[in-house]
Amino acid sequence: MIIEATGLKGLKSDLAHLDEVTTKLGFVRWQWEYTRATYDFKMEDKATKSVYFLRVNARVESGKLESPYAILFLEEAYIGRETFPHGLDYNSPVPDSVLKISNQKLAQLQQLLAD
């Protein structure tokens, strides 16, 4: 599920600052390569015991990802339900409680990056 109108798409940051801000909010830079990275936030729906991940994609505008000075811009944010053994289902319905937490995290991220 893509989350529209987050205010994040197109925001830019250097890697060091983006890593610091996302870590502070509980995100983990998970998948990464020379030109892109994903930041994941893990949530559990207590009612169903399902695990969901809020994922924000980032692409390198200049530099290389291993440099703290690389400039990245953010892309869409989306939510997926964890599937066994290690995948995400982006078409599963997302509980309101998970969506609420996701929107709060995205708003916090947007505010910290805009400062």
Protein backbone atom coordinates (compact mmCIF):
# COMPACT_ATOMS: atom_id res chain seq x y z
CA MET A 1 0.00 0.00 0.00
CA ILE A 2 1.48 3.32 -1.08
CA ILE A 3 0.86 6.17 1.34
CA GLU A 4 -0.02 9.32 -0.59
CA ALA A 5 0.53 12.96 0.44
CA THR A 6 3.17 12.38 3.11
CA GLY A 7 5.12 15.52 2.30
CA LEU A 8 8.27 13.39 2.08
CA LYS A 9 8.51 12.75 -1.64
CA GLY A 10 11.33 14.84 -3.07
CA LEU A 11 12.82 15.94 0.28
CA LYS A 12 16.62 15.87 0.23
CA SER A 13 19.16 15.11 2.93
CA ASP A 14 22.73 13.99 3.25
CA LEU A 15 23.15 10.37 4.27
CA ALA A 16 24.56 11.12 7.73
CA HIS A 17 21.60 13.33 8.69
CA LEU A 18 19.04 10.97 7.16
CA ASP A 19 20.53 8.00 9.04
CA GLU A 20 20.54 9.99 12.30
CA VAL A 21 16.93 11.15 11.96
CA THR A 22 15.53 7.79 10.87
CA THR A 23 17.40 5.92 13.61
CA LYS A 24 16.01 8.37 16.19
CA LEU A 25 12.49 7.50 14.98
CA GLY A 26 13.08 3.73 15.07
CA PHE A 27 13.73 3.11 11.37
CA VAL A 28 16.50 0.82 10.15
CA ARG A 29 18.39 1.36 6.89
CA TRP A 30 17.84 -2.12 5.56
CA GLN A 31 18.35 -2.71 1.85
CA TRP A 32 20.99 -0.53 0.31
CA GLU A 33 23.32 -0.38 -2.65
CA TYR A 34 25.30 2.37 -4.35
CA THR A 35 22.34 4.42 -5.57
CA ARG A 36 19.39 3.57 -3.31
CA ALA A 37 18.40 2.66 0.22
CA THR A 38 15.25 1.71 2.08
CA TYR A 39 14.40 2.73 5.61
CA ASP A 40 12.05 0.32 7.41
CA PHE A 41 9.96 0.73 10.56
CA LYS A 42 8.56 -2.49 12.06
CA MET A 43 5.08 -2.62 13.64
CA GLU A 44 2.96 -5.46 15.03
CA ASP A 45 -0.82 -5.61 14.93
CA LYS A 46 -1.58 -7.02 18.36
CA ALA A 47 -5.04 -8.28 17.35
CA THR A 48 -3.82 -10.53 14.54
CA LYS A 49 -0.15 -10.88 15.52
CA SER A 50 0.74 -9.80 11.97
CA VAL A 51 3.93 -7.79 11.41
CA TYR A 52 3.94 -4.78 9.09
CA PHE A 53 6.78 -2.68 7.76
CA LEU A 54 6.58 0.99 6.89
CA ARG A 55 9.18 1.51 4.16
CA VAL A 56 10.59 4.75 2.77
CA ASN A 57 12.72 4.61 -0.37
CA ALA A 58 15.65 6.96 -0.92
CA ARG A 59 17.73 7.49 -4.07
CA VAL A 60 21.15 9.07 -4.41
CA GLU A 61 21.20 12.41 -6.18
CA SER A 62 24.93 12.99 -5.82
CA GLY A 63 27.82 11.04 -4.34
CA LYS A 64 27.90 7.39 -3.35
CA LEU A 65 25.85 5.84 -0.60
CA GLU A 66 28.83 4.80 1.50
CA SER A 67 29.76 8.49 1.89
CA PRO A 68 28.05 10.37 4.74
CA TYR A 69 28.01 13.42 2.42
CA ALA A 70 25.98 11.71 -0.32
CA ILE A 71 22.77 13.61 -1.06
CA LEU A 72 19.62 11.48 -1.18
CA PHE A 73 16.06 12.34 -2.10
CA LEU A 74 13.07 10.52 -0.70
CA GLU A 75 10.51 8.67 -2.77
CA GLU A 76 7.17 7.09 -1.89
CA ALA A 77 6.42 5.54 1.47
CA TYR A 78 4.52 2.28 1.61
CA ILE A 79 3.39 -0.46 3.99
CA GLY A 80 3.64 -4.21 3.57
CA ARG A 81 2.65 -7.19 5.71
CA GLU A 82 5.46 -9.58 6.52
CA THR A 83 5.22 -12.97 4.81
CA PHE A 84 7.17 -16.13 5.54
CA PRO A 85 10.08 -16.58 5.19
CA HIS A 86 11.18 -13.07 4.22
CA GLY A 87 8.94 -11.00 2.02
CA LEU A 88 6.35 -8.25 2.15
CA ASP A 89 2.80 -8.35 0.81
CA TYR A 90 1.86 -4.85 -0.31
CA ASN A 91 -1.72 -5.79 -1.26
CA SER A 92 -2.90 -6.93 2.18
CA PRO A 93 -5.36 -4.69 4.01
CA VAL A 94 -3.66 -2.53 6.64
CA PRO A 95 -5.35 -2.19 10.06
CA ASP A 96 -6.26 1.33 11.15
CA SER A 97 -3.95 1.10 14.17
CA VAL A 98 -0.94 0.33 11.93
CA LEU A 99 -1.92 3.08 9.49
CA LYS A 100 -2.21 5.59 12.35
CA ILE A 101 1.29 4.76 13.64
CA SER A 102 2.66 4.94 10.09
CA ASN A 103 1.17 8.37 9.48
CA GLN A 104 2.58 9.63 12.80
CA LYS A 105 6.07 8.34 11.97
CA LEU A 106 5.96 9.86 8.49
CA ALA A 107 4.85 13.23 9.90
CA GLN A 108 7.68 13.14 12.45
CA LEU A 109 10.18 12.24 9.73
CA GLN A 110 8.94 15.01 7.48
CA GLN A 111 9.21 17.56 10.30
CA LEU A 112 12.73 16.50 11.32
CA LEU A 113 13.98 16.62 7.74
CA ALA A 114 12.34 19.99 7.07
CA ASP A 115 14.08 21.62 10.08
